[in-house]
Structure formats: C-alpha cells, structure tokens
Protein backbone atom coordinates (compact mmCIF):
# COMPACT_ATOMS: atom_id res chain seq x y z
CA MET A 1 -14.01 -40.57 107.01
CA ASP A 2 -15.98 -40.64 110.18
CA ASP A 3 -13.20 -41.39 113.04
CA SER A 4 -16.33 -41.55 115.84
CA PRO A 5 -16.26 -44.27 117.87
CA ALA A 6 -18.73 -46.03 116.47
CA GLN A 7 -17.43 -46.54 113.08
CA ARG A 8 -14.09 -47.87 114.18
CA GLN A 9 -15.93 -50.80 116.34
CA TRP A 10 -15.16 -54.24 114.98
CA THR A 11 -14.46 -57.37 116.27
CA PHE A 12 -12.22 -60.30 115.16
CA LEU A 13 -15.34 -63.40 114.82
CA THR A 14 -18.04 -63.06 112.65
CA ASN A 15 -21.82 -63.80 113.65
CA HIS A 16 -21.52 -66.82 111.72
CA ALA A 17 -18.47 -67.87 113.65
CA ARG A 18 -20.09 -67.34 116.94
CA VAL A 19 -23.49 -69.33 116.35
CA LEU A 20 -21.25 -72.22 115.21
CA VAL A 21 -19.13 -72.35 117.97
CA GLN A 22 -21.85 -72.20 120.51
CA ILE A 23 -23.25 -75.20 118.13
CA ALA A 24 -19.89 -77.18 118.56
CA ARG A 25 -19.61 -76.80 122.37
CA ASP A 26 -23.16 -77.86 122.46
CA PRO A 27 -24.77 -79.79 119.58
CA GLY A 28 -28.50 -80.20 121.39
CA ILE A 29 -28.61 -76.20 121.76
CA ARG A 30 -31.55 -74.22 121.36
CA VAL A 31 -31.86 -71.56 119.01
CA ARG A 32 -33.05 -69.45 121.72
CA ASP A 33 -29.98 -69.89 123.86
CA ILE A 34 -27.81 -69.49 121.00
CA ALA A 35 -29.64 -66.05 120.53
CA ALA A 36 -28.91 -64.92 124.29
CA GLN A 37 -25.20 -66.13 124.34
CA CYS A 38 -23.99 -64.33 120.85
CA LEU A 39 -26.71 -61.15 121.43
CA LEU A 40 -28.51 -62.11 118.63
CA THR A 41 -32.08 -62.28 117.80
CA GLU A 42 -33.62 -65.81 117.19
CA ARG A 43 -34.60 -64.75 113.55
CA ALA A 44 -30.88 -63.74 113.26
CA VAL A 45 -29.29 -66.89 114.36
CA GLN A 46 -32.28 -68.60 112.43
CA ARG A 47 -30.83 -67.57 109.42
CA ILE A 48 -27.20 -68.21 110.14
CA ILE A 49 -27.93 -71.45 110.71
CA VAL A 50 -29.89 -71.95 107.34
CA ASP A 51 -26.52 -70.30 105.99
CA LEU A 52 -24.46 -72.46 107.96
CA GLU A 53 -26.16 -75.48 106.36
CA ASN A 54 -26.74 -74.23 103.17
CA ALA A 55 -22.75 -73.99 102.53
CA GLY A 56 -22.12 -77.31 104.15
CA TYR A 57 -20.47 -76.44 107.95
CA LEU A 58 -23.49 -78.00 109.66
CA SER A 59 -26.54 -80.32 109.32
CA HIS A 60 -28.90 -81.13 111.88
CA GLU A 61 -31.64 -83.99 112.54
CA ARG A 62 -34.78 -83.30 114.38
CA HIS A 63 -35.37 -85.37 117.48
CA GLY A 64 -39.11 -84.66 118.48
CA ARG A 65 -39.71 -81.30 119.31
CA THR A 66 -36.05 -80.34 119.55
CA ASN A 67 -32.84 -79.97 116.54
CA ARG A 68 -29.65 -82.06 117.30
CA TYR A 69 -26.97 -80.43 115.11
CA HIS A 70 -23.93 -82.06 113.40
CA VAL A 71 -21.01 -79.64 112.67
CA ILE A 72 -19.39 -81.27 109.40
CA ASP A 73 -15.52 -79.89 110.83
CA ALA A 74 -13.86 -81.97 107.85
CA GLY A 75 -14.40 -78.84 105.37
CA GLN A 76 -12.26 -75.78 104.56
CA LEU A 77 -12.94 -72.63 105.11
CA ARG A 78 -14.58 -70.64 102.12
CA HIS A 79 -12.73 -67.66 101.86
CA PRO A 80 -9.00 -68.41 99.85
CA ALA A 81 -7.34 -66.46 102.09
CA ASP A 82 -8.55 -68.89 105.03
CA SER A 83 -7.16 -71.63 102.77
CA GLY A 84 -5.54 -74.36 104.43
CA PRO A 85 -6.99 -74.93 108.29
CA THR A 86 -9.64 -77.02 108.66
CA LEU A 87 -12.58 -75.55 110.33
CA ALA A 88 -11.56 -78.61 112.71
CA GLU A 89 -8.54 -77.16 112.95
CA LEU A 90 -10.29 -73.39 113.58
CA LEU A 91 -12.88 -74.40 116.28
CA ALA A 92 -10.28 -76.15 118.08
CA VAL A 93 -8.59 -73.30 118.65
CA LEU A 94 -12.10 -71.25 119.39
CA LEU A 95 -13.26 -73.86 121.88
CA ARG A 96 -10.42 -73.48 124.31
C-alpha cells in the first residue's frame, strides 16, 4: 500500500456537493464561475449538473442565453447511510 502524501489526501465534500452548494448560493451562476470556484473544468461541472438533474436534486430554466437553476431540496440523500436528513438540512449547514 502506498502511504505517500498524494495517496492520503482526501476531502469531506465531493465535487457534486461543491457544485450544488455554489448553485444554492447563486441560482443564476454561470458554469464558468462554478468551475472557477470549485477548481474544476467547465466540462466537469456540466457533467455534474446533468448528474444532479438526473438524480432529482436540481432543475434549470433557460432565460435568454443563461440558465437559472432550482435546487430541489426536499429530497432525501441517495446513500442509505445518509438517510434521514433532507438535502435542505444539509445545505443549511453548508451554506452558513
């Protein structure tokens, strides 16, 4: 097993959680700005947004040339070990 510093690095939040938090903070945020805030590529952010929409956590409406996102925060978290709190309760903690 490799115990190098690069192998031991981990974070509490996934990229999906980071993107969702940015959208919850600013529903009119651009993909470019999400990518910059989360240190991701724009393409990665686009894929994550599609994942979040397919999972029922997010929807969007087109307003001219921009998107306006809506976080569907009444839903439950997907993993069985995370059952209980709603997405709204988790976001309330992360948005403080």
